[in-house]
């Protein structure tokens, strides 16, 4: 539970800032910034177009985030 009067808002987060980070570091940073779901996928994975509020997606190659996007 976050008792902060101004909890982080993932909508304000810059997804491009995760590119180049290690997968574990990116996930930790995302959770600190208020993301409720962090999904890690291989690059070019086939996924549904379902948009989930509060979720950030990471395409990870060799342990490094190569792309990230909301939903």
PDB file of N, CA and C in Angstrom:
ATOM      1  N   UNK A   1       0.843  -1.172   0.000  1.00  0.00           N
ATOM      2  CA  UNK A   1       0.000   0.000   0.000  1.00  0.00           C
ATOM      3  C   UNK A   1       0.889   1.236   0.000  1.00  0.00           C
ATOM      4  N   UNK A   2       0.491   2.216  -0.768  1.00  0.00           N
ATOM      5  CA  UNK A   2       1.268   3.439  -0.880  1.00  0.00           C
ATOM      6  C   UNK A   2       0.578   4.539  -0.086  1.00  0.00           C
ATOM      7  N   UNK A   3       1.230   5.032   0.965  1.00  0.00           N
ATOM      8  CA  UNK A   3       0.647   6.072   1.803  1.00  0.00           C
ATOM      9  C   UNK A   3       1.030   7.466   1.344  1.00  0.00           C
ATOM     10  N   UNK A   4       1.706   7.579   0.236  1.00  0.00           N
ATOM     11  CA  UNK A   4       2.132   8.871  -0.291  1.00  0.00           C
ATOM     12  C   UNK A   4       0.924   9.691  -0.705  1.00  0.00           C
ATOM     13  N   UNK A   5       0.915  11.006  -0.388  1.00  0.00           N
ATOM     14  CA  UNK A   5      -0.226  11.845  -0.786  1.00  0.00           C
ATOM     15  C   UNK A   5      -0.333  11.987  -2.302  1.00  0.00           C
ATOM     16  N   UNK A   6       0.752  11.806  -3.021  1.00  0.00           N
ATOM     17  CA  UNK A   6       0.763  11.888  -4.477  1.00  0.00           C
ATOM     18  C   UNK A   6       1.422  10.638  -5.050  1.00  0.00           C
ATOM     19  N   UNK A   7       0.656   9.533  -5.119  1.00  0.00           N
ATOM     20  CA  UNK A   7       1.264   8.308  -5.630  1.00  0.00           C
ATOM     21  C   UNK A   7       1.684   8.481  -7.085  1.00  0.00           C
ATOM     22  N   UNK A   8       2.679   7.720  -7.548  1.00  0.00           N
ATOM     23  CA  UNK A   8       3.131   7.847  -8.928  1.00  0.00           C
ATOM     24  C   UNK A   8       2.006   7.512  -9.900  1.00  0.00           C
ATOM     25  N   UNK A   9       1.999   8.173 -11.029  1.00  0.00           N
ATOM     26  CA  UNK A   9       0.995   7.941 -12.051  1.00  0.00           C
ATOM     27  C   UNK A   9       1.687   7.361 -13.280  1.00  0.00           C
ATOM     28  N   UNK A  10       1.446   6.084 -13.569  1.00  0.00           N
ATOM     29  CA  UNK A  10       2.141   5.481 -14.702  1.00  0.00           C
ATOM     30  C   UNK A  10       1.824   6.168 -16.028  1.00  0.00           C
ATOM     31  N   UNK A  11       0.695   6.832 -16.131  1.00  0.00           N
ATOM     32  CA  UNK A  11       0.336   7.523 -17.378  1.00  0.00           C
ATOM     33  C   UNK A  11       1.342   8.625 -17.707  1.00  0.00           C
ATOM     34  N   UNK A  12       2.034   9.141 -16.693  1.00  0.00           N
ATOM     35  CA  UNK A  12       3.023  10.194 -16.898  1.00  0.00           C
ATOM     36  C   UNK A  12       4.412   9.655 -17.229  1.00  0.00           C
ATOM     37  N   UNK A  13       4.565   8.344 -17.194  1.00  0.00           N
ATOM     38  CA  UNK A  13       5.874   7.728 -17.386  1.00  0.00           C
ATOM     39  C   UNK A  13       6.247   7.680 -18.866  1.00  0.00           C
ATOM     40  N   UNK A  14       7.529   7.868 -19.159  1.00  0.00           N
ATOM     41  CA  UNK A  14       8.054   7.806 -20.521  1.00  0.00           C
ATOM     42  C   UNK A  14       8.530   6.384 -20.798  1.00  0.00           C
ATOM     43  N   UNK A  15       7.796   5.660 -21.630  1.00  0.00           N
ATOM     44  CA  UNK A  15       8.152   4.266 -21.923  1.00  0.00           C
ATOM     45  C   UNK A  15       9.523   4.146 -22.576  1.00  0.00           C
ATOM     46  N   UNK A  16       9.913   5.123 -23.356  1.00  0.00           N
ATOM     47  CA  UNK A  16      11.212   5.057 -24.034  1.00  0.00           C
ATOM     48  C   UNK A  16      12.381   5.050 -23.048  1.00  0.00           C
ATOM     49  N   UNK A  17      12.154   5.521 -21.834  1.00  0.00           N
ATOM     50  CA  UNK A  17      13.228   5.589 -20.837  1.00  0.00           C
ATOM     51  C   UNK A  17      13.683   4.201 -20.371  1.00  0.00           C
ATOM     52  N   UNK A  18      12.906   3.166 -20.658  1.00  0.00           N
ATOM     53  CA  UNK A  18      13.254   1.814 -20.224  1.00  0.00           C
ATOM     54  C   UNK A  18      14.177   1.102 -21.214  1.00  0.00           C
ATOM     55  N   UNK A  19      14.215   1.580 -22.445  1.00  0.00           N
ATOM     56  CA  UNK A  19      15.041   0.947 -23.468  1.00  0.00           C
ATOM     57  C   UNK A  19      16.511   0.992 -23.060  1.00  0.00           C
ATOM     58  N   UNK A  20      17.149  -0.156 -23.123  1.00  0.00           N
ATOM     59  CA  UNK A  20      18.560  -0.264 -22.757  1.00  0.00           C
ATOM     60  C   UNK A  20      18.795  -0.736 -21.332  1.00  0.00           C
ATOM     61  N   UNK A  21      17.755  -0.749 -20.510  1.00  0.00           N
ATOM     62  CA  UNK A  21      17.903  -1.230 -19.132  1.00  0.00           C
ATOM     63  C   UNK A  21      17.849  -2.751 -19.102  1.00  0.00           C
ATOM     64  N   UNK A  22      18.440  -3.322 -18.069  1.00  0.00           N
ATOM     65  CA  UNK A  22      18.282  -4.750 -17.845  1.00  0.00           C
ATOM     66  C   UNK A  22      16.838  -5.035 -17.472  1.00  0.00           C
ATOM     67  N   UNK A  23      16.354  -6.223 -17.774  1.00  0.00           N
ATOM     68  CA  UNK A  23      14.954  -6.559 -17.540  1.00  0.00           C
ATOM     69  C   UNK A  23      14.555  -6.405 -16.068  1.00  0.00           C
ATOM     70  N   UNK A  24      15.378  -6.882 -15.161  1.00  0.00           N
ATOM     71  CA  UNK A  24      15.052  -6.792 -13.726  1.00  0.00           C
ATOM     72  C   UNK A  24      15.024  -5.346 -13.260  1.00  0.00           C
ATOM     73  N   UNK A  25      15.995  -4.546 -13.695  1.00  0.00           N
ATOM     74  CA  UNK A  25      16.030  -3.130 -13.318  1.00  0.00           C
ATOM     75  C   UNK A  25      14.813  -2.403 -13.877  1.00  0.00           C
ATOM     76  N   UNK A  26      14.442  -2.708 -15.110  1.00  0.00           N
ATOM     77  CA  UNK A  26      13.287  -2.058 -15.737  1.00  0.00           C
ATOM     78  C   UNK A  26      12.003  -2.407 -14.982  1.00  0.00           C
ATOM     79  N   UNK A  27      11.852  -3.673 -14.610  1.00  0.00           N
ATOM     80  CA  UNK A  27      10.652  -4.076 -13.875  1.00  0.00           C
ATOM     81  C   UNK A  27      10.580  -3.374 -12.521  1.00  0.00           C
ATOM     82  N   UNK A  28      11.691  -3.327 -11.821  1.00  0.00           N
ATOM     83  CA  UNK A  28      11.708  -2.657 -10.514  1.00  0.00           C
ATOM     84  C   UNK A  28      11.344  -1.173 -10.661  1.00  0.00           C
ATOM     85  N   UNK A  29      11.929  -0.517 -11.646  1.00  0.00           N
ATOM     86  CA  UNK A  29      11.644   0.901 -11.878  1.00  0.00           C
ATOM     87  C   UNK A  29      10.173   1.112 -12.237  1.00  0.00           C
ATOM     88  N   UNK A  30       9.634   0.239 -13.076  1.00  0.00           N
ATOM     89  CA  UNK A  30       8.234   0.358 -13.481  1.00  0.00           C
ATOM     90  C   UNK A  30       7.301   0.233 -12.280  1.00  0.00           C
ATOM     91  N   UNK A  31       7.569  -0.718 -11.418  1.00  0.00           N
ATOM     92  CA  UNK A  31       6.709  -0.888 -10.232  1.00  0.00           C
ATOM     93  C   UNK A  31       6.820   0.314  -9.293  1.00  0.00           C
ATOM     94  N   UNK A  32       8.017   0.872  -9.162  1.00  0.00           N
ATOM     95  CA  UNK A  32       8.190   2.068  -8.333  1.00  0.00           C
ATOM     96  C   UNK A  32       7.419   3.256  -8.905  1.00  0.00           C
ATOM     97  N   UNK A  33       7.262   3.268 -10.213  1.00  0.00           N
ATOM     98  CA  UNK A  33       6.574   4.379 -10.879  1.00  0.00           C
ATOM     99  C   UNK A  33       5.077   4.149 -11.017  1.00  0.00           C
ATOM    100  N   UNK A  34       4.567   3.085 -10.388  1.00  0.00           N
ATOM    101  CA  UNK A  34       3.131   2.900 -10.297  1.00  0.00           C
ATOM    102  C   UNK A  34       2.495   1.902 -11.248  1.00  0.00           C
ATOM    103  N   UNK A  35       3.290   1.225 -12.073  1.00  0.00           N
ATOM    104  CA  UNK A  35       2.716   0.223 -12.965  1.00  0.00           C
ATOM    105  C   UNK A  35       2.264  -0.970 -12.141  1.00  0.00           C
ATOM    106  N   UNK A  36       1.025  -1.430 -12.351  1.00  0.00           N
ATOM    107  CA  UNK A  36       0.512  -2.561 -11.582  1.00  0.00           C
ATOM    108  C   UNK A  36       0.853  -3.893 -12.217  1.00  0.00           C
ATOM    109  N   UNK A  37       1.058  -3.892 -13.529  1.00  0.00           N
ATOM    110  CA  UNK A  37       1.416  -5.119 -14.246  1.00  0.00           C
ATOM    111  C   UNK A  37       2.600  -4.832 -15.158  1.00  0.00           C
ATOM    112  N   UNK A  38       3.603  -5.688 -15.082  1.00  0.00           N
ATOM    113  CA  UNK A  38       4.776  -5.591 -15.958  1.00  0.00           C
ATOM    114  C   UNK A  38       4.858  -6.903 -16.727  1.00  0.00           C
ATOM    115  N   UNK A  39       4.785  -6.798 -18.052  1.00  0.00           N
ATOM    116  CA  UNK A  39       4.829  -8.003 -18.890  1.00  0.00           C
ATOM    117  C   UNK A  39       6.107  -7.991 -19.715  1.00  0.00           C
ATOM    118  N   UNK A  40       6.849  -9.101 -19.653  1.00  0.00           N
ATOM    119  CA  UNK A  40       8.095  -9.249 -20.401  1.00  0.00           C
ATOM    120  C   UNK A  40       7.880 -10.266 -21.512  1.00  0.00           C
ATOM    121  N   UNK A  41       8.266  -9.863 -22.713  1.00  0.00           N
ATOM    122  CA  UNK A  41       8.058 -10.693 -23.892  1.00  0.00           C
ATOM    123  C   UNK A  41       9.323 -10.735 -24.733  1.00  0.00           C
ATOM    124  N   UNK A  42       9.492 -11.779 -25.535  1.00  0.00           N
ATOM    125  CA  UNK A  42      10.597 -11.749 -26.488  1.00  0.00           C
ATOM    126  C   UNK A  42      10.259 -10.785 -27.619  1.00  0.00           C
ATOM    127  N   UNK A  43      11.264 -10.226 -28.291  1.00  0.00           N
ATOM    128  CA  UNK A  43      10.983  -9.344 -29.420  1.00  0.00           C
ATOM    129  C   UNK A  43      10.137 -10.080 -30.474  1.00  0.00           C
ATOM    130  N   UNK A  44       9.226  -9.352 -31.088  1.00  0.00           N
ATOM    131  CA  UNK A  44       8.367  -9.887 -32.156  1.00  0.00           C
ATOM    132  C   UNK A  44       7.446 -11.012 -31.700  1.00  0.00           C
ATOM    133  N   UNK A  45       7.156 -11.072 -30.398  1.00  0.00           N
ATOM    134  CA  UNK A  45       6.206 -12.063 -29.898  1.00  0.00           C
ATOM    135  C   UNK A  45       4.817 -11.748 -30.456  1.00  0.00           C
ATOM    136  N   UNK A  46       4.060 -12.777 -30.706  1.00  0.00           N
ATOM    137  CA  UNK A  46       2.683 -12.600 -31.172  1.00  0.00           C
ATOM    138  C   UNK A  46       1.803 -12.500 -29.933  1.00  0.00           C
ATOM    139  N   UNK A  47       1.127 -11.363 -29.802  1.00  0.00           N
ATOM    140  CA  UNK A  47       0.280 -11.118 -28.631  1.00  0.00           C
ATOM    141  C   UNK A  47      -1.058 -10.557 -29.092  1.00  0.00           C
ATOM    142  N   UNK A  48      -2.041 -10.588 -28.210  1.00  0.00           N
ATOM    143  CA  UNK A  48      -3.339 -10.002 -28.520  1.00  0.00           C
ATOM    144  C   UNK A  48      -3.238  -8.482 -28.426  1.00  0.00           C
ATOM    145  N   UNK A  49      -4.194  -7.798 -29.001  1.00  0.00           N
ATOM    146  CA  UNK A  49      -4.227  -6.333 -28.978  1.00  0.00           C
ATOM    147  C   UNK A  49      -4.979  -5.803 -27.753  1.00  0.00           C
ATOM    148  N   UNK A  50      -5.254  -6.670 -26.791  1.00  0.00           N
ATOM    149  CA  UNK A  50      -5.966  -6.285 -25.583  1.00  0.00           C
ATOM    150  C   UNK A  50      -5.178  -5.203 -24.830  1.00  0.00           C
ATOM    151  N   UNK A  51      -5.829  -4.072 -24.562  1.00  0.00           N
ATOM    152  CA  UNK A  51      -5.193  -2.982 -23.821  1.00  0.00           C
ATOM    153  C   UNK A  51      -5.579  -3.108 -22.354  1.00  0.00           C
ATOM    154  N   UNK A  52      -4.598  -3.121 -21.481  1.00  0.00           N
ATOM    155  CA  UNK A  52      -4.835  -3.211 -20.045  1.00  0.00           C
ATOM    156  C   UNK A  52      -4.265  -1.957 -19.385  1.00  0.00           C
ATOM    157  N   UNK A  53      -5.138  -1.181 -18.761  1.00  0.00           N
ATOM    158  CA  UNK A  53      -4.710   0.030 -18.057  1.00  0.00           C
ATOM    159  C   UNK A  53      -3.799  -0.374 -16.912  1.00  0.00           C
ATOM    160  N   UNK A  54      -2.691   0.322 -16.768  1.00  0.00           N
ATOM    161  CA  UNK A  54      -1.760   0.032 -15.678  1.00  0.00           C
ATOM    162  C   UNK A  54      -0.713  -1.009 -16.016  1.00  0.00           C
ATOM    163  N   UNK A  55      -0.689  -1.463 -17.286  1.00  0.00           N
ATOM    164  CA  UNK A  55       0.300  -2.472 -17.682  1.00  0.00           C
ATOM    165  C   UNK A  55       1.349  -1.835 -18.595  1.00  0.00           C
ATOM    166  N   UNK A  56       2.604  -2.207 -18.372  1.00  0.00           N
ATOM    167  CA  UNK A  56       3.687  -1.835 -19.278  1.00  0.00           C
ATOM    168  C   UNK A  56       4.277  -3.136 -19.823  1.00  0.00           C
ATOM    169  N   UNK A  57       4.604  -3.104 -21.090  1.00  0.00           N
ATOM    170  CA  UNK A  57       5.151  -4.273 -21.778  1.00  0.00           C
ATOM    171  C   UNK A  57       6.602  -4.010 -22.132  1.00  0.00           C
ATOM    172  N   UNK A  58       7.433  -5.015 -21.937  1.00  0.00           N
ATOM    173  CA  UNK A  58       8.834  -4.926 -22.309  1.00  0.00           C
ATOM    174  C   UNK A  58       9.162  -6.028 -23.299  1.00  0.00           C
ATOM    175  N   UNK A  59       9.740  -5.663 -24.428  1.00  0.00           N
ATOM    176  CA  UNK A  59      10.347  -6.643 -25.328  1.00  0.00           C
ATOM    177  C   UNK A  59      11.795  -6.755 -24.879  1.00  0.00           C
ATOM    178  N   UNK A  60      12.202  -7.970 -24.508  1.00  0.00           N
ATOM    179  CA  UNK A  60      13.530  -8.189 -23.923  1.00  0.00           C
ATOM    180  C   UNK A  60      14.319  -9.161 -24.785  1.00  0.00           C
ATOM    181  N   UNK A  61      15.533  -8.740 -25.140  1.00  0.00           N
ATOM    182  CA  UNK A  61      16.447  -9.591 -25.895  1.00  0.00           C
ATOM    183  C   UNK A  61      17.763  -9.656 -25.136  1.00  0.00           C
ATOM    184  N   UNK A  62      18.235 -10.855 -24.882  1.00  0.00           N
ATOM    185  CA  UNK A  62      19.491 -11.073 -24.157  1.00  0.00           C
ATOM    186  C   UNK A  62      19.527 -10.321 -22.827  1.00  0.00           C
ATOM    187  N   UNK A  63      18.369 -10.272 -22.133  1.00  0.00           N
ATOM    188  CA  UNK A  63      18.299  -9.655 -20.813  1.00  0.00           C
ATOM    189  C   UNK A  63      18.168  -8.147 -20.802  1.00  0.00           C
ATOM    190  N   UNK A  64      18.051  -7.520 -21.991  1.00  0.00           N
ATOM    191  CA  UNK A  64      17.978  -6.067 -22.085  1.00  0.00           C
ATOM    192  C   UNK A  64      16.670  -5.644 -22.770  1.00  0.00           C
ATOM    193  N   UNK A  65      16.036  -4.614 -22.235  1.00  0.00           N
ATOM    194  CA  UNK A  65      14.808  -4.101 -22.838  1.00  0.00           C
ATOM    195  C   UNK A  65      15.166  -3.408 -24.152  1.00  0.00           C
ATOM    196  N   UNK A  66      14.527  -3.878 -25.240  1.00  0.00           N
ATOM    197  CA  UNK A  66      14.779  -3.280 -26.549  1.00  0.00           C
ATOM    198  C   UNK A  66      13.592  -2.437 -27.024  1.00  0.00           C
ATOM    199  N   UNK A  67      12.448  -2.584 -26.342  1.00  0.00           N
ATOM    200  CA  UNK A  67      11.257  -1.802 -26.659  1.00  0.00           C
ATOM    201  C   UNK A  67      10.305  -1.871 -25.481  1.00  0.00           C
ATOM    202  N   UNK A  68       9.537  -0.798 -25.255  1.00  0.00           N
ATOM    203  CA  UNK A  68       8.504  -0.840 -24.223  1.00  0.00           C
ATOM    204  C   UNK A  68       7.316  -0.014 -24.674  1.00  0.00           C
ATOM    205  N   UNK A  69       6.138  -0.414 -24.186  1.00  0.00           N
ATOM    206  CA  UNK A  69       4.913   0.286 -24.558  1.00  0.00           C
ATOM    207  C   UNK A  69       3.849   0.057 -23.496  1.00  0.00           C
ATOM    208  N   UNK A  70       2.887   0.972 -23.470  1.00  0.00           N
ATOM    209  CA  UNK A  70       1.795   0.901 -22.486  1.00  0.00           C
ATOM    210  C   UNK A  70       0.723  -0.065 -22.964  1.00  0.00           C
ATOM    211  N   UNK A  71       0.026  -0.635 -21.987  1.00  0.00           N
ATOM    212  CA  UNK A  71      -1.140  -1.437 -22.290  1.00  0.00           C
ATOM    213  C   UNK A  71      -0.898  -2.879 -22.313  1.00  0.00           C
TER     214      UNK A  71
END
